[in-house]
């Protein structure tokens, strides 16, 4: 049995086909901040969302496995391949 995306998860994944800020996701999701953040954390745990941190050496956002879960405003987010497949119903 496959797990279905809820509406907020769908909206979050829909808004992060490209690297995006938490503020952008919140605007697109049109749901309370705490709810969206909880869903993002859940999707990170499921491997559907990748956290991106700014790398000064590269001058761009890169994937990071270590991040401050309490300060998600400091990061950017990107849907993973698994997240995109889930979003498009192709798991």
PDB file of N, CA and C in Angstrom:
ATOM      1  N   UNK A   1       0.848  -1.188   0.000  1.00  0.00           N
ATOM      2  CA  UNK A   1       0.000   0.000   0.000  1.00  0.00           C
ATOM      3  C   UNK A   1       0.890   1.248   0.000  1.00  0.00           C
ATOM      4  N   UNK A   2       0.680   2.113  -0.959  1.00  0.00           N
ATOM      5  CA  UNK A   2       1.488   3.326  -1.043  1.00  0.00           C
ATOM      6  C   UNK A   2       0.841   4.454  -0.248  1.00  0.00           C
ATOM      7  N   UNK A   3       1.685   5.254   0.308  1.00  0.00           N
ATOM      8  CA  UNK A   3       1.231   6.392   1.097  1.00  0.00           C
ATOM      9  C   UNK A   3       0.896   7.554   0.168  1.00  0.00           C
ATOM     10  N   UNK A   4      -0.263   8.142   0.352  1.00  0.00           N
ATOM     11  CA  UNK A   4      -0.690   9.281  -0.453  1.00  0.00           C
ATOM     12  C   UNK A   4      -0.154  10.577   0.151  1.00  0.00           C
ATOM     13  N   UNK A   5       0.150  11.528  -0.699  1.00  0.00           N
ATOM     14  CA  UNK A   5       0.537  12.861  -0.228  1.00  0.00           C
ATOM     15  C   UNK A   5      -0.705  13.592   0.266  1.00  0.00           C
ATOM     16  N   UNK A   6      -0.547  14.332   1.360  1.00  0.00           N
ATOM     17  CA  UNK A   6      -1.644  15.209   1.745  1.00  0.00           C
ATOM     18  C   UNK A   6      -1.512  16.505   0.941  1.00  0.00           C
ATOM     19  N   UNK A   7      -2.482  17.376   1.034  1.00  0.00           N
ATOM     20  CA  UNK A   7      -2.512  18.592   0.213  1.00  0.00           C
ATOM     21  C   UNK A   7      -1.296  19.488   0.462  1.00  0.00           C
ATOM     22  N   UNK A   8      -0.892  19.631   1.714  1.00  0.00           N
ATOM     23  CA  UNK A   8       0.259  20.492   2.020  1.00  0.00           C
ATOM     24  C   UNK A   8       1.536  19.884   1.467  1.00  0.00           C
ATOM     25  N   UNK A   9       1.715  18.588   1.626  1.00  0.00           N
ATOM     26  CA  UNK A   9       2.893  17.923   1.062  1.00  0.00           C
ATOM     27  C   UNK A   9       2.938  18.116  -0.451  1.00  0.00           C
ATOM     28  N   UNK A  10       1.803  17.965  -1.108  1.00  0.00           N
ATOM     29  CA  UNK A  10       1.738  18.152  -2.552  1.00  0.00           C
ATOM     30  C   UNK A  10       2.140  19.582  -2.924  1.00  0.00           C
ATOM     31  N   UNK A  11       1.610  20.563  -2.199  1.00  0.00           N
ATOM     32  CA  UNK A  11       1.915  21.966  -2.488  1.00  0.00           C
ATOM     33  C   UNK A  11       3.392  22.272  -2.240  1.00  0.00           C
ATOM     34  N   UNK A  12       3.956  21.718  -1.164  1.00  0.00           N
ATOM     35  CA  UNK A  12       5.377  21.939  -0.872  1.00  0.00           C
ATOM     36  C   UNK A  12       6.230  21.374  -2.004  1.00  0.00           C
ATOM     37  N   UNK A  13       5.985  20.122  -2.377  1.00  0.00           N
ATOM     38  CA  UNK A  13       6.767  19.514  -3.453  1.00  0.00           C
ATOM     39  C   UNK A  13       6.581  20.275  -4.765  1.00  0.00           C
ATOM     40  N   UNK A  14       5.378  20.763  -4.994  1.00  0.00           N
ATOM     41  CA  UNK A  14       5.092  21.527  -6.201  1.00  0.00           C
ATOM     42  C   UNK A  14       5.912  22.814  -6.268  1.00  0.00           C
ATOM     43  N   UNK A  15       6.243  23.356  -5.108  1.00  0.00           N
ATOM     44  CA  UNK A  15       6.955  24.643  -5.063  1.00  0.00           C
ATOM     45  C   UNK A  15       8.475  24.497  -5.019  1.00  0.00           C
ATOM     46  N   UNK A  16       8.990  23.257  -4.952  1.00  0.00           N
ATOM     47  CA  UNK A  16      10.450  23.101  -4.830  1.00  0.00           C
ATOM     48  C   UNK A  16      11.041  22.201  -5.913  1.00  0.00           C
ATOM     49  N   UNK A  17      10.579  22.366  -7.115  1.00  0.00           N
ATOM     50  CA  UNK A  17      11.236  21.707  -8.253  1.00  0.00           C
ATOM     51  C   UNK A  17      12.621  22.309  -8.451  1.00  0.00           C
ATOM     52  N   UNK A  18      12.778  23.546  -7.996  1.00  0.00           N
ATOM     53  CA  UNK A  18      14.063  24.240  -8.002  1.00  0.00           C
ATOM     54  C   UNK A  18      14.365  24.645  -6.568  1.00  0.00           C
ATOM     55  N   UNK A  19      15.595  24.985  -6.270  1.00  0.00           N
ATOM     56  CA  UNK A  19      15.998  25.377  -4.916  1.00  0.00           C
ATOM     57  C   UNK A  19      15.212  26.617  -4.495  1.00  0.00           C
ATOM     58  N   UNK A  20      14.519  26.508  -3.358  1.00  0.00           N
ATOM     59  CA  UNK A  20      13.667  27.598  -2.886  1.00  0.00           C
ATOM     60  C   UNK A  20      13.814  27.801  -1.382  1.00  0.00           C
ATOM     61  N   UNK A  21      13.505  29.022  -0.950  1.00  0.00           N
ATOM     62  CA  UNK A  21      13.558  29.380   0.470  1.00  0.00           C
ATOM     63  C   UNK A  21      12.301  28.907   1.196  1.00  0.00           C
ATOM     64  N   UNK A  22      12.406  28.867   2.508  1.00  0.00           N
ATOM     65  CA  UNK A  22      11.247  28.526   3.328  1.00  0.00           C
ATOM     66  C   UNK A  22      10.140  29.547   3.107  1.00  0.00           C
ATOM     67  N   UNK A  23      10.492  30.812   2.993  1.00  0.00           N
ATOM     68  CA  UNK A  23       9.485  31.858   2.780  1.00  0.00           C
ATOM     69  C   UNK A  23       8.694  31.598   1.496  1.00  0.00           C
ATOM     70  N   UNK A  24       9.379  31.215   0.441  1.00  0.00           N
ATOM     71  CA  UNK A  24       8.696  30.906  -0.819  1.00  0.00           C
ATOM     72  C   UNK A  24       7.733  29.730  -0.634  1.00  0.00           C
ATOM     73  N   UNK A  25       8.189  28.707   0.052  1.00  0.00           N
ATOM     74  CA  UNK A  25       7.352  27.527   0.295  1.00  0.00           C
ATOM     75  C   UNK A  25       6.112  27.913   1.093  1.00  0.00           C
ATOM     76  N   UNK A  26       6.293  28.743   2.117  1.00  0.00           N
ATOM     77  CA  UNK A  26       5.163  29.175   2.945  1.00  0.00           C
ATOM     78  C   UNK A  26       4.136  29.945   2.118  1.00  0.00           C
ATOM     79  N   UNK A  27       4.611  30.795   1.233  1.00  0.00           N
ATOM     80  CA  UNK A  27       3.701  31.559   0.377  1.00  0.00           C
ATOM     81  C   UNK A  27       2.929  30.638  -0.567  1.00  0.00           C
ATOM     82  N   UNK A  28       3.598  29.649  -1.106  1.00  0.00           N
ATOM     83  CA  UNK A  28       2.964  28.728  -2.049  1.00  0.00           C
ATOM     84  C   UNK A  28       2.000  27.760  -1.356  1.00  0.00           C
ATOM     85  N   UNK A  29       2.361  27.323  -0.154  1.00  0.00           N
ATOM     86  CA  UNK A  29       1.559  26.313   0.544  1.00  0.00           C
ATOM     87  C   UNK A  29       0.262  26.885   1.101  1.00  0.00           C
ATOM     88  N   UNK A  30       0.261  28.174   1.413  1.00  0.00           N
ATOM     89  CA  UNK A  30      -0.944  28.824   1.922  1.00  0.00           C
ATOM     90  C   UNK A  30      -1.536  28.065   3.113  1.00  0.00           C
ATOM     91  N   UNK A  31      -0.670  27.769   4.078  1.00  0.00           N
ATOM     92  CA  UNK A  31      -1.073  27.066   5.294  1.00  0.00           C
ATOM     93  C   UNK A  31      -0.266  27.667   6.451  1.00  0.00           C
ATOM     94  N   UNK A  32      -0.689  27.423   7.679  1.00  0.00           N
ATOM     95  CA  UNK A  32       0.053  27.973   8.825  1.00  0.00           C
ATOM     96  C   UNK A  32       1.516  27.519   8.832  1.00  0.00           C
ATOM     97  N   UNK A  33       2.390  28.435   9.209  1.00  0.00           N
ATOM     98  CA  UNK A  33       3.834  28.194   9.229  1.00  0.00           C
ATOM     99  C   UNK A  33       4.194  26.895   9.951  1.00  0.00           C
ATOM    100  N   UNK A  34       3.658  26.707  11.156  1.00  0.00           N
ATOM    101  CA  UNK A  34       4.003  25.519  11.958  1.00  0.00           C
ATOM    102  C   UNK A  34       3.611  24.232  11.237  1.00  0.00           C
ATOM    103  N   UNK A  35       2.487  24.244  10.558  1.00  0.00           N
ATOM    104  CA  UNK A  35       2.020  23.054   9.835  1.00  0.00           C
ATOM    105  C   UNK A  35       2.943  22.761   8.659  1.00  0.00           C
ATOM    106  N   UNK A  36       3.306  23.792   7.908  1.00  0.00           N
ATOM    107  CA  UNK A  36       4.189  23.614   6.753  1.00  0.00           C
ATOM    108  C   UNK A  36       5.555  23.108   7.207  1.00  0.00           C
ATOM    109  N   UNK A  37       6.087  23.683   8.266  1.00  0.00           N
ATOM    110  CA  UNK A  37       7.396  23.250   8.775  1.00  0.00           C
ATOM    111  C   UNK A  37       7.348  21.797   9.228  1.00  0.00           C
ATOM    112  N   UNK A  38       6.281  21.406   9.907  1.00  0.00           N
ATOM    113  CA  UNK A  38       6.142  20.000  10.317  1.00  0.00           C
ATOM    114  C   UNK A  38       6.121  19.077   9.101  1.00  0.00           C
ATOM    115  N   UNK A  39       5.426  19.482   8.057  1.00  0.00           N
ATOM    116  CA  UNK A  39       5.361  18.660   6.843  1.00  0.00           C
ATOM    117  C   UNK A  39       6.722  18.595   6.157  1.00  0.00           C
ATOM    118  N   UNK A  40       7.439  19.719   6.116  1.00  0.00           N
ATOM    119  CA  UNK A  40       8.778  19.708   5.528  1.00  0.00           C
ATOM    120  C   UNK A  40       9.682  18.752   6.296  1.00  0.00           C
ATOM    121  N   UNK A  41       9.646  18.819   7.613  1.00  0.00           N
ATOM    122  CA  UNK A  41      10.468  17.914   8.428  1.00  0.00           C
ATOM    123  C   UNK A  41      10.118  16.454   8.142  1.00  0.00           C
ATOM    124  N   UNK A  42       8.828  16.160   8.025  1.00  0.00           N
ATOM    125  CA  UNK A  42       8.386  14.800   7.718  1.00  0.00           C
ATOM    126  C   UNK A  42       8.916  14.359   6.359  1.00  0.00           C
ATOM    127  N   UNK A  43       8.835  15.258   5.383  1.00  0.00           N
ATOM    128  CA  UNK A  43       9.289  14.911   4.032  1.00  0.00           C
ATOM    129  C   UNK A  43      10.809  14.788   3.948  1.00  0.00           C
ATOM    130  N   UNK A  44      11.536  15.532   4.766  1.00  0.00           N
ATOM    131  CA  UNK A  44      12.993  15.362   4.850  1.00  0.00           C
ATOM    132  C   UNK A  44      13.286  13.960   5.377  1.00  0.00           C
ATOM    133  N   UNK A  45      12.586  13.566   6.441  1.00  0.00           N
ATOM    134  CA  UNK A  45      12.787  12.241   7.034  1.00  0.00           C
ATOM    135  C   UNK A  45      12.468  11.119   6.044  1.00  0.00           C
ATOM    136  N   UNK A  46      11.480  11.348   5.171  1.00  0.00           N
ATOM    137  CA  UNK A  46      11.084  10.329   4.189  1.00  0.00           C
ATOM    138  C   UNK A  46      11.969  10.338   2.943  1.00  0.00           C
ATOM    139  N   UNK A  47      12.856  11.331   2.858  1.00  0.00           N
ATOM    140  CA  UNK A  47      13.738  11.412   1.707  1.00  0.00           C
ATOM    141  C   UNK A  47      13.115  12.080   0.498  1.00  0.00           C
ATOM    142  N   UNK A  48      12.037  12.814   0.683  1.00  0.00           N
ATOM    143  CA  UNK A  48      11.356  13.486  -0.414  1.00  0.00           C
ATOM    144  C   UNK A  48      11.864  14.908  -0.618  1.00  0.00           C
ATOM    145  N   UNK A  49      12.505  15.468   0.412  1.00  0.00           N
ATOM    146  CA  UNK A  49      13.002  16.841   0.357  1.00  0.00           C
ATOM    147  C   UNK A  49      14.456  16.852   0.807  1.00  0.00           C
ATOM    148  N   UNK A  50      15.286  17.577   0.066  1.00  0.00           N
ATOM    149  CA  UNK A  50      16.703  17.746   0.393  1.00  0.00           C
ATOM    150  C   UNK A  50      16.931  19.143   0.942  1.00  0.00           C
ATOM    151  N   UNK A  51      17.680  19.234   2.035  1.00  0.00           N
ATOM    152  CA  UNK A  51      18.051  20.531   2.618  1.00  0.00           C
ATOM    153  C   UNK A  51      19.316  21.019   1.924  1.00  0.00           C
ATOM    154  N   UNK A  52      19.325  22.288   1.574  1.00  0.00           N
ATOM    155  CA  UNK A  52      20.451  22.903   0.877  1.00  0.00           C
ATOM    156  C   UNK A  52      21.025  24.014   1.755  1.00  0.00           C
ATOM    157  N   UNK A  53      22.332  23.979   1.949  1.00  0.00           N
ATOM    158  CA  UNK A  53      23.019  25.021   2.717  1.00  0.00           C
ATOM    159  C   UNK A  53      23.937  25.810   1.802  1.00  0.00           C
ATOM    160  N   UNK A  54      24.180  27.074   2.138  1.00  0.00           N
ATOM    161  CA  UNK A  54      25.031  27.908   1.292  1.00  0.00           C
ATOM    162  C   UNK A  54      26.490  27.571   1.538  1.00  0.00           C
ATOM    163  N   UNK A  55      27.228  27.317   0.461  1.00  0.00           N
ATOM    164  CA  UNK A  55      28.655  27.007   0.522  1.00  0.00           C
ATOM    165  C   UNK A  55      29.412  28.209  -0.027  1.00  0.00           C
ATOM    166  N   UNK A  56      30.160  28.880   0.864  1.00  0.00           N
ATOM    167  CA  UNK A  56      30.909  30.072   0.455  1.00  0.00           C
ATOM    168  C   UNK A  56      31.955  29.766  -0.606  1.00  0.00           C
ATOM    169  N   UNK A  57      32.557  28.587  -0.536  1.00  0.00           N
ATOM    170  CA  UNK A  57      33.603  28.225  -1.508  1.00  0.00           C
ATOM    171  C   UNK A  57      33.031  28.103  -2.919  1.00  0.00           C
ATOM    172  N   UNK A  58      31.843  27.553  -3.009  1.00  0.00           N
ATOM    173  CA  UNK A  58      31.199  27.352  -4.301  1.00  0.00           C
ATOM    174  C   UNK A  58      30.403  28.590  -4.713  1.00  0.00           C
ATOM    175  N   UNK A  59      29.930  29.339  -3.716  1.00  0.00           N
ATOM    176  CA  UNK A  59      29.106  30.510  -3.990  1.00  0.00           C
ATOM    177  C   UNK A  59      27.680  30.154  -4.375  1.00  0.00           C
ATOM    178  N   UNK A  60      27.211  28.998  -3.873  1.00  0.00           N
ATOM    179  CA  UNK A  60      25.870  28.538  -4.222  1.00  0.00           C
ATOM    180  C   UNK A  60      25.379  27.590  -3.127  1.00  0.00           C
ATOM    181  N   UNK A  61      24.109  27.215  -3.241  1.00  0.00           N
ATOM    182  CA  UNK A  61      23.540  26.251  -2.305  1.00  0.00           C
ATOM    183  C   UNK A  61      23.894  24.839  -2.742  1.00  0.00           C
ATOM    184  N   UNK A  62      24.299  24.013  -1.763  1.00  0.00           N
ATOM    185  CA  UNK A  62      24.645  22.618  -2.013  1.00  0.00           C
ATOM    186  C   UNK A  62      23.907  21.743  -1.010  1.00  0.00           C
ATOM    187  N   UNK A  63      23.761  20.477  -1.348  1.00  0.00           N
ATOM    188  CA  UNK A  63      23.074  19.542  -0.445  1.00  0.00           C
ATOM    189  C   UNK A  63      23.833  19.437   0.865  1.00  0.00           C
ATOM    190  N   UNK A  64      23.098  19.393   1.948  1.00  0.00           N
ATOM    191  CA  UNK A  64      23.719  19.233   3.259  1.00  0.00           C
ATOM    192  C   UNK A  64      22.936  18.212   4.066  1.00  0.00           C
ATOM    193  N   UNK A  65      23.651  17.338   4.739  1.00  0.00           N
ATOM    194  CA  UNK A  65      23.015  16.340   5.598  1.00  0.00           C
ATOM    195  C   UNK A  65      22.908  16.850   7.028  1.00  0.00           C
ATOM    196  N   UNK A  66      23.700  17.867   7.344  1.00  0.00           N
ATOM    197  CA  UNK A  66      23.712  18.426   8.699  1.00  0.00           C
ATOM    198  C   UNK A  66      23.094  19.813   8.650  1.00  0.00           C
ATOM    199  N   UNK A  67      22.027  19.991   9.421  1.00  0.00           N
ATOM    200  CA  UNK A  67      21.354  21.291   9.450  1.00  0.00           C
ATOM    201  C   UNK A  67      20.662  21.476  10.782  1.00  0.00           C
ATOM    202  N   UNK A  68      20.355  22.732  11.097  1.00  0.00           N
ATOM    203  CA  UNK A  68      19.687  23.078  12.346  1.00  0.00           C
ATOM    204  C   UNK A  68      18.177  23.027  12.117  1.00  0.00           C
ATOM    205  N   UNK A  69      17.562  21.976  12.613  1.00  0.00           N
ATOM    206  CA  UNK A  69      16.134  21.733  12.433  1.00  0.00           C
ATOM    207  C   UNK A  69      15.267  22.854  13.014  1.00  0.00           C
ATOM    208  N   UNK A  70      15.814  23.627  13.935  1.00  0.00           N
ATOM    209  CA  UNK A  70      15.061  24.721  14.560  1.00  0.00           C
ATOM    210  C   UNK A  70      15.206  26.037  13.810  1.00  0.00           C
ATOM    211  N   UNK A  71      16.085  26.095  12.827  1.00  0.00           N
ATOM    212  CA  UNK A  71      16.315  27.330  12.067  1.00  0.00           C
ATOM    213  C   UNK A  71      16.250  27.061  10.570  1.00  0.00           C
ATOM    214  N   UNK A  72      15.127  26.520  10.121  1.00  0.00           N
ATOM    215  CA  UNK A  72      14.990  26.164   8.715  1.00  0.00           C
ATOM    216  C   UNK A  72      14.990  27.380   7.794  1.00  0.00           C
ATOM    217  N   UNK A  73      14.769  28.577   8.348  1.00  0.00           N
ATOM    218  CA  UNK A  73      14.827  29.802   7.540  1.00  0.00           C
ATOM    219  C   UNK A  73      16.226  30.024   6.961  1.00  0.00           C
ATOM    220  N   UNK A  74      17.238  29.408   7.570  1.00  0.00           N
ATOM    221  CA  UNK A  74      18.626  29.588   7.131  1.00  0.00           C
ATOM    222  C   UNK A  74      18.984  28.736   5.911  1.00  0.00           C
ATOM    223  N   UNK A  75      18.052  27.902   5.442  1.00  0.00           N
ATOM    224  CA  UNK A  75      18.348  26.933   4.391  1.00  0.00           C
ATOM    225  C   UNK A  75      17.424  27.118   3.196  1.00  0.00           C
ATOM    226  N   UNK A  76      17.719  26.379   2.154  1.00  0.00           N
ATOM    227  CA  UNK A  76      16.865  26.291   0.980  1.00  0.00           C
ATOM    228  C   UNK A  76      16.483  24.825   0.833  1.00  0.00           C
ATOM    229  N   UNK A  77      15.492  24.561   0.010  1.00  0.00           N
ATOM    230  CA  UNK A  77      14.955  23.206  -0.110  1.00  0.00           C
ATOM    231  C   UNK A  77      14.751  22.832  -1.568  1.00  0.00           C
ATOM    232  N   UNK A  78      14.898  21.532  -1.824  1.00  0.00           N
ATOM    233  CA  UNK A  78      14.761  21.009  -3.172  1.00  0.00           C
ATOM    234  C   UNK A  78      14.117  19.629  -3.096  1.00  0.00           C
ATOM    235  N   UNK A  79      13.153  19.380  -3.970  1.00  0.00           N
ATOM    236  CA  UNK A  79      12.545  18.052  -4.027  1.00  0.00           C
ATOM    237  C   UNK A  79      13.581  17.057  -4.538  1.00  0.00           C
ATOM    238  N   UNK A  80      13.637  15.896  -3.917  1.00  0.00           N
ATOM    239  CA  UNK A  80      14.528  14.830  -4.376  1.00  0.00           C
ATOM    240  C   UNK A  80      13.847  14.079  -5.530  1.00  0.00           C
ATOM    241  N   UNK A  81      14.586  13.180  -6.144  1.00  0.00           N
ATOM    242  CA  UNK A  81      13.993  12.354  -7.201  1.00  0.00           C
ATOM    243  C   UNK A  81      12.795  11.586  -6.648  1.00  0.00           C
ATOM    244  N   UNK A  82      12.949  11.030  -5.447  1.00  0.00           N
ATOM    245  CA  UNK A  82      11.846  10.289  -4.822  1.00  0.00           C
ATOM    246  C   UNK A  82      10.657  11.211  -4.565  1.00  0.00           C
ATOM    247  N   UNK A  83      10.940  12.446  -4.144  1.00  0.00           N
ATOM    248  CA  UNK A  83       9.869  13.408  -3.902  1.00  0.00           C
ATOM    249  C   UNK A  83       9.152  13.801  -5.182  1.00  0.00           C
ATOM    250  N   UNK A  84       9.920  14.002  -6.258  1.00  0.00           N
ATOM    251  CA  UNK A  84       9.306  14.344  -7.549  1.00  0.00           C
ATOM    252  C   UNK A  84       8.459  13.202  -8.071  1.00  0.00           C
ATOM    253  N   UNK A  85       8.963  11.983  -7.917  1.00  0.00           N
ATOM    254  CA  UNK A  85       8.196  10.824  -8.369  1.00  0.00           C
ATOM    255  C   UNK A  85       6.902  10.688  -7.566  1.00  0.00           C
ATOM    256  N   UNK A  86       6.996  10.917  -6.266  1.00  0.00           N
ATOM    257  CA  UNK A  86       5.813  10.879  -5.404  1.00  0.00           C
ATOM    258  C   UNK A  86       4.817  11.952  -5.835  1.00  0.00           C
ATOM    259  N   UNK A  87       5.319  13.159  -6.068  1.00  0.00           N
ATOM    260  CA  UNK A  87       4.486  14.297  -6.482  1.00  0.00           C
ATOM    261  C   UNK A  87       3.766  14.004  -7.796  1.00  0.00           C
ATOM    262  N   UNK A  88       4.439  13.293  -8.691  1.00  0.00           N
ATOM    263  CA  UNK A  88       3.857  12.992 -10.011  1.00  0.00           C
ATOM    264  C   UNK A  88       3.143  11.649 -10.047  1.00  0.00           C
ATOM    265  N   UNK A  89       2.996  10.994  -8.883  1.00  0.00           N
ATOM    266  CA  UNK A  89       2.276   9.719  -8.816  1.00  0.00           C
ATOM    267  C   UNK A  89       2.985   8.572  -9.493  1.00  0.00           C
ATOM    268  N   UNK A  90       4.318   8.619  -9.517  1.00  0.00           N
ATOM    269  CA  UNK A  90       5.088   7.594 -10.216  1.00  0.00           C
ATOM    270  C   UNK A  90       6.029   6.829  -9.289  1.00  0.00           C
ATOM    271  N   UNK A  91       5.624   6.605  -8.067  1.00  0.00           N
ATOM    272  CA  UNK A  91       6.542   5.945  -7.160  1.00  0.00           C
ATOM    273  C   UNK A  91       6.802   4.512  -7.495  1.00  0.00           C
TER     274      UNK A  91
END
